Amino acid sequence: MIRFERVTKRYADGTTAVDDLSFEVAEGELVTLVGPSGCGKTTTMMMVNRLIEPTAGKIFVDGEDISTVDPVKLRRRIGYVIQQVGLFPHRTILDNTATVPALIGWKRSKAKARAAELLDMVGLDPKKYGSRYPDQLSGGQRQRVGVARALAADPPVLLMDEPFGAVDPVVREQLQDQFLQMQRNVRKTVVMVTHDIEEAVRLGDRIAVYGQGRIEQFDTPGAVLGNPATPYVAEFVGADRGLKRLSVTEIEPDDLEEPPLARLDESASAAASRLRAEGARWAVCLDEAGELHGWAGVDELALAGDAKVGDLAHRMNSWVPVGAPLKTAFGVMLQHDAGWVAVLDGARFLGVLTPAKLHEALRRSVDADALGVGRDEVEFDSVADA
């Protein structure tokens, strides 16, 4: 969808902002450009909509050399979100969102209907917020309007310049979550500039790590964190890159252990005898369909006589869905001071993730990226089996 061919931007004073840059962004891909201030990432992004013109090289959008396209028409085909949002203070939120459709000639009714649809998509009820003005919204709400406005004319490409940098960390995480969910639905081709490696890792399908005017590494978040291409990249992503990688490594069924189990309709005393023979001190409680209903201690079951296991099951607070990042599971372990977390597929219980298995999953992920194979193909001595 977007292709750079040997692009250079050199200013009159001799400063080279971008030097002989070549890379591609696939259709529907979210690529984050990350690096220190002055490294050329914003210049790169602004050349896509010709707010900055390259000194040399070519840039293609959807196979078309953008130097041959009228800049105004080009920009109306590309959504643009900036850190300070840039809403028109004298126009309502609905009118702000409908700006581009109105400029390209949509009927007023169609433009406003599209604006209302997008406000709803970003979590702002158009009936409640549509008639308000920008100064009546919080910073996070204004940022959502900026994203909605950029998507209003349904552009295939979206450029985002530090879009969540002007809000506090809690709101920023909420906006990131909402944007990721929206991206799963609309699948735009997105180029996002950020200086925050954690944001780049969390949002990007691929990351371009910039040095001075050049891309030092262009790869998946897992590969950048697990196998930095250069000492510069290793230093930039930080010594804690293993912890950062937890956020991009998903829990898979093969990562799980099978704990002691008890069925809800089983006699408590019978379950206790069986579990003690297995050397267990507790059990996960499931129904006939294999759905999770809690946990119970063996000593508690032994004292309950003819009661059913289901009568004694305690609520399970430490659980995560399969496919969640390892970071989420680690956070749940710490929050509930738990030695493991249950992993579910919907309500169906799959197994438990222990600290040893979490560590093993992380190691497998790193090695799989290094070898170019699947995690299930990586073999090594497991701490969990020691």
Protein backbone atom coordinates (compact mmCIF):
# COMPACT_ATOMS: atom_id res chain seq x y z
CA MET A 1 0.00 0.00 0.00
CA ILE A 2 2.85 2.43 0.89
CA ARG A 3 6.31 2.05 -0.63
CA PHE A 4 9.44 4.16 -0.16
CA GLU A 5 12.15 3.78 -2.79
CA ARG A 6 15.52 5.31 -1.83
CA VAL A 7 13.92 8.42 -0.35
CA THR A 8 16.12 11.20 0.97
CA LYS A 9 15.17 14.52 2.56
CA ARG A 10 17.96 17.06 2.77
CA TYR A 11 17.36 20.67 3.85
CA ALA A 12 19.04 23.81 2.49
CA ASP A 13 21.38 24.05 5.49
CA GLY A 14 22.76 20.60 4.66
CA THR A 15 20.84 18.70 7.34
CA THR A 16 19.82 15.24 6.17
CA ALA A 17 16.60 14.27 7.93
CA VAL A 18 16.02 11.03 5.99
CA ASP A 19 18.81 9.22 4.16
CA ASP A 20 18.18 6.75 1.31
CA LEU A 21 15.13 5.17 2.94
CA SER A 22 13.43 2.11 1.40
CA PHE A 23 10.63 0.12 3.03
CA GLU A 24 7.04 -1.00 2.46
CA VAL A 25 3.85 -0.96 4.53
CA ALA A 26 1.39 -3.67 3.51
CA GLU A 27 -2.32 -3.05 3.07
CA GLY A 28 -4.12 -3.23 6.40
CA GLU A 29 -0.87 -3.16 8.38
CA LEU A 30 -0.15 -0.88 11.34
CA VAL A 31 3.50 0.18 11.32
CA THR A 32 4.96 2.25 14.13
CA LEU A 33 7.95 4.52 13.54
CA VAL A 34 9.87 4.88 16.77
CA GLY A 35 13.06 6.67 17.70
CA PRO A 36 14.50 9.69 19.54
CA SER A 37 13.63 13.27 18.67
CA GLY A 38 15.15 14.49 15.42
CA CYS A 39 15.72 11.03 13.95
CA GLY A 40 13.51 11.56 10.88
CA LYS A 41 10.41 9.55 11.76
CA THR A 42 7.96 12.48 11.57
CA THR A 43 9.60 13.70 8.36
CA THR A 44 9.09 10.21 6.92
CA MET A 45 5.40 10.20 7.79
CA MET A 46 4.78 13.75 6.50
CA MET A 47 6.28 12.90 3.13
CA VAL A 48 3.47 10.35 2.62
CA ASN A 49 0.86 13.14 2.34
CA ARG A 50 3.34 15.63 0.83
CA LEU A 51 3.34 18.03 3.74
CA ILE A 52 7.08 17.62 3.23
CA GLU A 53 8.53 16.93 -0.21
CA PRO A 54 11.46 14.51 -0.59
CA THR A 55 14.76 15.66 -2.07
CA ALA A 56 15.28 12.37 -3.90
CA GLY A 57 13.56 9.03 -4.36
CA LYS A 58 9.94 8.04 -4.88
CA ILE A 59 6.98 7.30 -2.65
CA PHE A 60 4.06 5.20 -3.86
CA VAL A 61 0.59 4.90 -2.31
CA ASP A 62 -1.54 2.08 -3.68
CA GLY A 63 0.89 1.76 -6.59
CA GLU A 64 0.70 5.46 -7.56
CA ASP A 65 3.71 7.79 -7.51
CA ILE A 66 2.43 10.53 -5.20
CA SER A 67 4.64 13.17 -6.84
CA THR A 68 2.23 13.01 -9.80
CA VAL A 69 -0.88 13.53 -7.64
CA ASP A 70 -2.36 16.90 -6.67
CA PRO A 71 -1.35 17.36 -3.00
CA VAL A 72 -4.80 18.55 -1.88
CA LYS A 73 -6.55 15.59 -3.51
CA LEU A 74 -3.92 13.26 -2.05
CA ARG A 75 -4.47 14.56 1.48
CA ARG A 76 -8.22 14.11 1.23
CA ARG A 77 -7.55 10.40 0.59
CA ILE A 78 -5.33 10.07 3.65
CA GLY A 79 -6.51 10.39 7.24
CA TYR A 80 -4.26 12.45 9.53
CA VAL A 81 -4.27 12.48 13.34
CA ILE A 82 -1.94 14.75 15.32
CA GLN A 83 -1.10 14.98 19.01
CA GLN A 84 -2.91 18.28 19.61
CA VAL A 85 -5.95 17.10 17.58
CA GLY A 86 -6.52 20.45 15.81
CA LEU A 87 -10.30 20.58 16.09
CA PHE A 88 -12.06 23.74 14.91
CA PRO A 89 -13.12 25.48 18.17
CA HIS A 90 -16.13 27.23 16.61
CA ARG A 91 -17.65 24.05 15.14
CA THR A 92 -19.60 21.32 16.94
CA ILE A 93 -18.10 17.87 17.41
CA LEU A 94 -20.42 16.45 14.74
CA ASP A 95 -19.44 19.17 12.25
CA ASN A 96 -15.75 18.73 13.08
CA THR A 97 -16.02 15.01 12.37
CA ALA A 98 -17.83 15.63 9.09
CA THR A 99 -15.21 18.10 7.81
CA VAL A 100 -13.52 16.00 5.12
CA PRO A 101 -16.70 14.42 3.71
CA ALA A 102 -18.14 17.93 3.36
CA LEU A 103 -14.97 19.15 1.61
CA ILE A 104 -15.08 16.37 -0.98
CA GLY A 105 -18.70 17.04 -1.82
CA TRP A 106 -20.77 14.60 0.22
CA LYS A 107 -24.35 15.63 0.86
CA ARG A 108 -24.74 17.22 4.28
CA SER A 109 -27.08 14.48 5.51
CA LYS A 110 -24.68 11.72 4.41
CA ALA A 111 -21.67 13.49 5.95
CA LYS A 112 -23.43 13.94 9.29
CA ALA A 113 -24.68 10.36 9.31
CA ARG A 114 -21.11 9.15 8.73
CA ALA A 115 -19.83 11.46 11.48
CA ALA A 116 -22.42 10.13 13.93
CA GLU A 117 -21.50 6.54 13.05
CA LEU A 118 -17.82 7.19 13.71
CA LEU A 119 -18.40 9.07 16.97
CA ASP A 120 -20.31 6.04 18.17
CA MET A 121 -17.44 3.79 17.02
CA VAL A 122 -14.92 5.71 19.14
CA GLY A 123 -17.17 5.57 22.19
CA LEU A 124 -18.81 9.01 22.04
CA ASP A 125 -22.61 8.95 21.86
CA PRO A 126 -23.41 11.38 19.01
CA LYS A 127 -26.70 12.34 20.68
CA LYS A 128 -24.82 13.38 23.79
CA TYR A 129 -21.60 14.79 22.35
CA GLY A 130 -22.43 15.73 18.75
CA SER A 131 -23.76 19.19 19.59
CA ARG A 132 -20.94 20.06 22.00
CA TYR A 133 -17.86 22.12 21.18
CA PRO A 134 -14.22 21.02 21.61
CA ASP A 135 -13.66 23.04 24.80
CA GLN A 136 -16.52 21.08 26.43
CA LEU A 137 -14.65 17.78 26.04
CA SER A 138 -11.76 16.23 27.95
CA GLY A 139 -8.38 15.75 26.29
CA GLY A 140 -9.05 12.05 25.76
CA GLN A 141 -12.46 12.75 24.25
CA ARG A 142 -10.99 15.32 21.86
CA GLN A 143 -8.39 12.77 20.80
CA ARG A 144 -11.16 10.31 19.99
CA VAL A 145 -12.86 12.95 17.86
CA GLY A 146 -9.56 13.47 16.02
CA VAL A 147 -9.42 9.76 15.16
CA ALA A 148 -13.08 9.76 14.08
CA ARG A 149 -12.52 12.82 11.88
CA ALA A 150 -9.52 11.19 10.20
CA LEU A 151 -11.65 8.16 9.31
CA ALA A 152 -14.73 10.09 8.18
CA ALA A 153 -14.20 9.82 4.41
CA ASP A 154 -13.11 6.18 4.76
CA PRO A 155 -9.50 6.75 3.65
CA PRO A 156 -7.41 3.66 2.93
CA VAL A 157 -4.36 5.19 4.67
CA LEU A 158 -4.16 6.73 8.13
CA LEU A 159 -1.19 8.76 9.38
CA MET A 160 -0.88 9.32 13.14
CA ASP A 161 1.67 11.65 14.72
CA GLU A 162 2.06 10.95 18.47
CA PRO A 163 -1.75 10.62 18.61
CA PHE A 164 -1.98 9.66 22.30
CA GLY A 165 0.97 11.61 23.66
CA ALA A 166 -0.96 14.55 25.10
CA VAL A 167 -3.07 12.59 27.61
CA ASP A 168 -2.28 10.96 30.94
CA PRO A 169 -1.06 7.33 31.07
CA VAL A 170 -4.41 5.83 32.13
CA VAL A 171 -6.35 7.57 29.36
CA ARG A 172 -3.57 6.78 26.88
CA GLU A 173 -3.87 3.06 27.59
CA GLN A 174 -7.65 3.25 27.19
CA LEU A 175 -7.29 5.06 23.87
CA GLN A 176 -4.74 2.52 22.67
CA ASP A 177 -7.08 -0.35 23.56
CA GLN A 178 -9.97 1.33 21.77
CA PHE A 179 -7.88 2.10 18.71
CA LEU A 180 -6.63 -1.49 18.47
CA GLN A 181 -10.20 -2.76 18.63
CA MET A 182 -11.24 -0.29 15.96
CA GLN A 183 -8.29 -1.27 13.76
CA ARG A 184 -9.34 -4.93 13.96
CA ASN A 185 -12.70 -3.87 12.54
CA VAL A 186 -11.69 -1.33 9.86
CA ARG A 187 -8.17 -2.61 8.91
CA LYS A 188 -6.71 0.65 7.66
CA THR A 189 -3.11 0.94 6.52
CA VAL A 190 -1.60 2.94 9.37
CA VAL A 191 1.74 4.68 9.85
CA MET A 192 2.11 5.91 13.42
CA VAL A 193 4.93 8.02 14.82
CA THR A 194 5.82 7.60 18.48
CA HIS A 195 8.85 8.09 20.72
CA ASP A 196 7.53 5.50 23.19
CA ILE A 197 8.89 1.99 22.55
CA GLU A 198 6.17 0.44 24.72
CA GLU A 199 3.46 2.10 22.63
CA ALA A 200 5.22 1.02 19.45
CA VAL A 201 5.39 -2.58 20.68
CA ARG A 202 1.81 -2.63 21.87
CA LEU A 203 0.22 -1.19 18.73
CA GLY A 204 2.47 -2.08 15.80
CA ASP A 205 2.21 -5.12 13.55
CA ARG A 206 5.76 -4.12 12.66
CA ILE A 207 8.15 -1.54 14.12
CA ALA A 208 10.65 0.65 12.32
CA VAL A 209 13.36 1.63 14.82
CA TYR A 210 15.09 4.80 13.63
CA GLY A 211 18.67 5.82 14.11
CA GLN A 212 19.71 9.14 12.56
CA GLY A 213 17.72 9.37 9.34
CA ARG A 214 17.85 5.61 8.79
CA ILE A 215 15.89 2.57 9.88
CA GLU A 216 18.11 0.38 12.06
CA GLN A 217 15.59 -2.47 12.26
CA PHE A 218 12.19 -3.08 10.65
CA ASP A 219 10.49 -6.16 12.04
CA THR A 220 7.75 -7.52 14.27
CA PRO A 221 7.63 -6.31 17.89
CA GLY A 222 8.66 -9.75 19.09
CA ALA A 223 11.70 -9.86 16.83
CA VAL A 224 12.81 -6.34 17.73
CA LEU A 225 12.61 -7.10 21.44
CA GLY A 226 13.95 -10.65 21.24
CA ASN A 227 16.67 -10.17 18.64
CA PRO A 228 17.80 -6.55 18.29
CA ALA A 229 19.60 -6.17 14.96
CA THR A 230 22.28 -3.77 16.23
CA PRO A 231 23.74 -2.57 19.53
CA TYR A 232 21.90 0.72 18.91
CA VAL A 233 18.52 -1.07 18.76
CA ALA A 234 19.35 -3.11 21.86
CA GLU A 235 20.18 0.07 23.77
CA PHE A 236 17.10 1.88 22.47
CA VAL A 237 14.59 -0.83 23.41
CA GLY A 238 16.23 -1.13 26.82
CA ALA A 239 17.72 -3.75 29.09
CA ASP A 240 14.18 -4.66 30.18
CA ARG A 241 13.20 -5.72 26.66
CA GLY A 242 12.41 -9.20 28.01
CA LEU A 243 9.70 -7.67 30.18
CA LYS A 244 8.42 -5.62 27.24
CA ARG A 245 8.23 -8.79 25.18
CA LEU A 246 5.70 -10.19 27.65
CA SER A 247 3.19 -7.74 26.17
CA VAL A 248 3.55 -9.15 22.62
CA THR A 249 3.79 -12.87 23.41
CA GLU A 250 0.37 -14.51 23.51
CA ILE A 251 -0.66 -17.41 25.73
CA GLU A 252 -1.04 -20.60 23.69
CA PRO A 253 -2.65 -23.90 24.78
CA ASP A 254 0.75 -25.64 24.63
CA ASP A 255 2.00 -23.30 27.37
CA LEU A 256 -0.41 -24.71 29.94
CA GLU A 257 -0.31 -27.39 32.62
CA GLU A 258 -3.23 -29.59 33.63
CA PRO A 259 -3.92 -29.12 37.35
CA PRO A 260 -5.86 -31.43 39.69
CA LEU A 261 -9.55 -31.40 38.71
CA ALA A 262 -12.84 -32.05 40.47
CA ARG A 263 -16.35 -32.18 38.99
CA LEU A 264 -19.17 -30.16 40.52
CA ASP A 265 -21.45 -33.20 40.93
CA GLU A 266 -18.73 -35.33 42.53
CA SER A 267 -18.96 -36.26 46.22
CA ALA A 268 -16.67 -33.99 48.23
CA SER A 269 -15.25 -36.83 50.33
CA ALA A 270 -14.67 -39.06 47.28
CA ALA A 271 -12.97 -36.19 45.46
CA ALA A 272 -10.76 -35.52 48.49
CA SER A 273 -9.65 -39.18 48.67
CA ARG A 274 -8.81 -39.25 44.97
CA LEU A 275 -6.97 -35.92 45.08
CA ARG A 276 -4.93 -36.91 48.17
CA ALA A 277 -3.87 -40.09 46.40
CA GLU A 278 -2.61 -37.86 43.60
CA GLY A 279 -0.71 -35.71 46.10
CA ALA A 280 -2.90 -32.66 45.41
CA ARG A 281 -3.80 -29.97 47.97
CA TRP A 282 -6.39 -28.18 45.84
CA ALA A 283 -8.41 -28.70 42.67
CA VAL A 284 -9.99 -26.69 39.87
CA CYS A 285 -13.76 -27.24 39.84
CA LEU A 286 -15.44 -27.85 36.48
CA ASP A 287 -18.93 -28.75 35.32
CA GLU A 288 -19.76 -31.54 32.88
CA ALA A 289 -19.13 -29.25 29.91
CA GLY A 290 -15.62 -28.44 31.15
CA GLU A 291 -16.51 -24.90 32.15
CA LEU A 292 -14.75 -23.28 35.09
CA HIS A 293 -16.69 -22.83 38.31
CA GLY A 294 -13.92 -22.13 40.80
CA TRP A 295 -11.53 -24.05 43.02
CA ALA A 296 -11.61 -26.01 46.28
CA GLY A 297 -9.06 -27.12 48.89
CA VAL A 298 -8.64 -30.86 49.50
CA ASP A 299 -8.83 -30.52 53.31
CA GLU A 300 -12.08 -28.59 52.96
CA LEU A 301 -13.54 -31.26 50.69
CA ALA A 302 -12.50 -34.04 53.11
CA LEU A 303 -14.49 -32.45 55.95
CA ALA A 304 -17.63 -31.95 53.84
CA GLY A 305 -18.78 -35.58 53.80
CA ASP A 306 -21.59 -36.23 51.32
CA ALA A 307 -21.78 -32.64 50.07
CA LYS A 308 -21.11 -32.03 46.43
CA VAL A 309 -17.93 -30.36 45.19
CA GLY A 310 -20.08 -27.64 43.61
CA ASP A 311 -21.35 -26.62 47.05
CA LEU A 312 -17.81 -25.82 48.17
CA ALA A 313 -16.26 -24.24 45.08
CA HIS A 314 -14.72 -20.80 45.64
CA ARG A 315 -14.80 -18.08 43.03
CA MET A 316 -11.75 -18.08 40.74
CA ASN A 317 -10.37 -14.55 40.44
CA SER A 318 -7.05 -15.35 38.80
CA TRP A 319 -7.91 -16.19 35.19
CA VAL A 320 -7.19 -14.88 31.69
CA PRO A 321 -8.43 -15.75 28.19
CA VAL A 322 -6.27 -17.84 25.86
CA GLY A 323 -4.45 -15.54 23.45
CA ALA A 324 -3.99 -12.82 26.08
CA PRO A 325 -0.44 -11.46 26.42
CA LEU A 326 1.85 -13.08 28.96
CA LYS A 327 2.08 -9.64 30.57
CA THR A 328 -1.63 -9.80 31.41
CA ALA A 329 -1.21 -13.21 33.05
CA PHE A 330 1.82 -12.01 35.01
CA GLY A 331 -0.15 -8.98 36.21
CA VAL A 332 -3.04 -11.17 37.37
CA MET A 333 -0.61 -13.41 39.28
CA LEU A 334 0.81 -10.40 41.10
CA GLN A 335 -2.59 -8.80 41.72
CA HIS A 336 -4.03 -11.90 43.35
CA ASP A 337 -0.74 -13.22 44.84
CA ALA A 338 -1.41 -16.42 42.89
CA GLY A 339 1.01 -19.18 41.95
CA TRP A 340 -0.84 -19.73 38.67
CA VAL A 341 -3.68 -18.39 36.56
CA ALA A 342 -6.48 -20.33 34.92
CA VAL A 343 -6.69 -19.96 31.14
CA LEU A 344 -10.09 -20.05 29.46
CA ASP A 345 -11.49 -20.31 25.96
CA GLY A 346 -14.77 -18.50 26.57
CA ALA A 347 -15.97 -20.30 29.71
CA ARG A 348 -14.20 -23.56 28.86
CA PHE A 349 -11.20 -24.34 31.02
CA LEU A 350 -7.97 -25.14 29.13
CA GLY A 351 -5.38 -25.39 31.90
CA VAL A 352 -3.23 -23.23 34.15
CA LEU A 353 -0.24 -21.03 33.42
CA THR A 354 2.46 -21.19 36.10
CA PRO A 355 5.46 -18.84 36.50
CA ALA A 356 7.75 -21.59 35.16
CA LYS A 357 5.54 -22.14 32.12
CA LEU A 358 5.30 -18.38 31.56
CA HIS A 359 9.09 -18.18 31.49
CA GLU A 360 9.24 -21.16 29.13
CA ALA A 361 6.70 -19.54 26.76
CA LEU A 362 8.80 -16.38 26.66
CA ARG A 363 11.98 -18.34 25.91
CA ARG A 364 10.25 -20.33 23.18
CA SER A 365 8.95 -17.14 21.61
CA VAL A 366 12.41 -15.55 21.50
CA ASP A 367 14.04 -18.69 20.09
CA ALA A 368 11.25 -19.18 17.54
CA ASP A 369 11.80 -15.69 16.14
CA ALA A 370 15.56 -16.22 16.02
CA LEU A 371 15.18 -19.53 14.16
CA GLY A 372 12.23 -18.50 12.00
CA VAL A 373 10.05 -21.39 13.23
CA GLY A 374 6.90 -21.84 15.28
CA ARG A 375 7.01 -21.89 19.07
CA ASP A 376 5.95 -25.54 19.09
CA GLU A 377 9.09 -26.43 17.10
CA VAL A 378 11.50 -25.03 19.69
CA GLU A 379 13.07 -27.57 22.03
CA PHE A 380 15.08 -26.93 25.18
CA ASP A 381 15.32 -28.16 28.77
CA SER A 382 12.25 -26.84 30.56
CA VAL A 383 12.45 -25.33 34.02
CA ALA A 384 8.91 -26.59 34.56
CA ASP A 385 10.03 -30.20 33.97
CA ALA A 386 13.14 -29.99 36.13
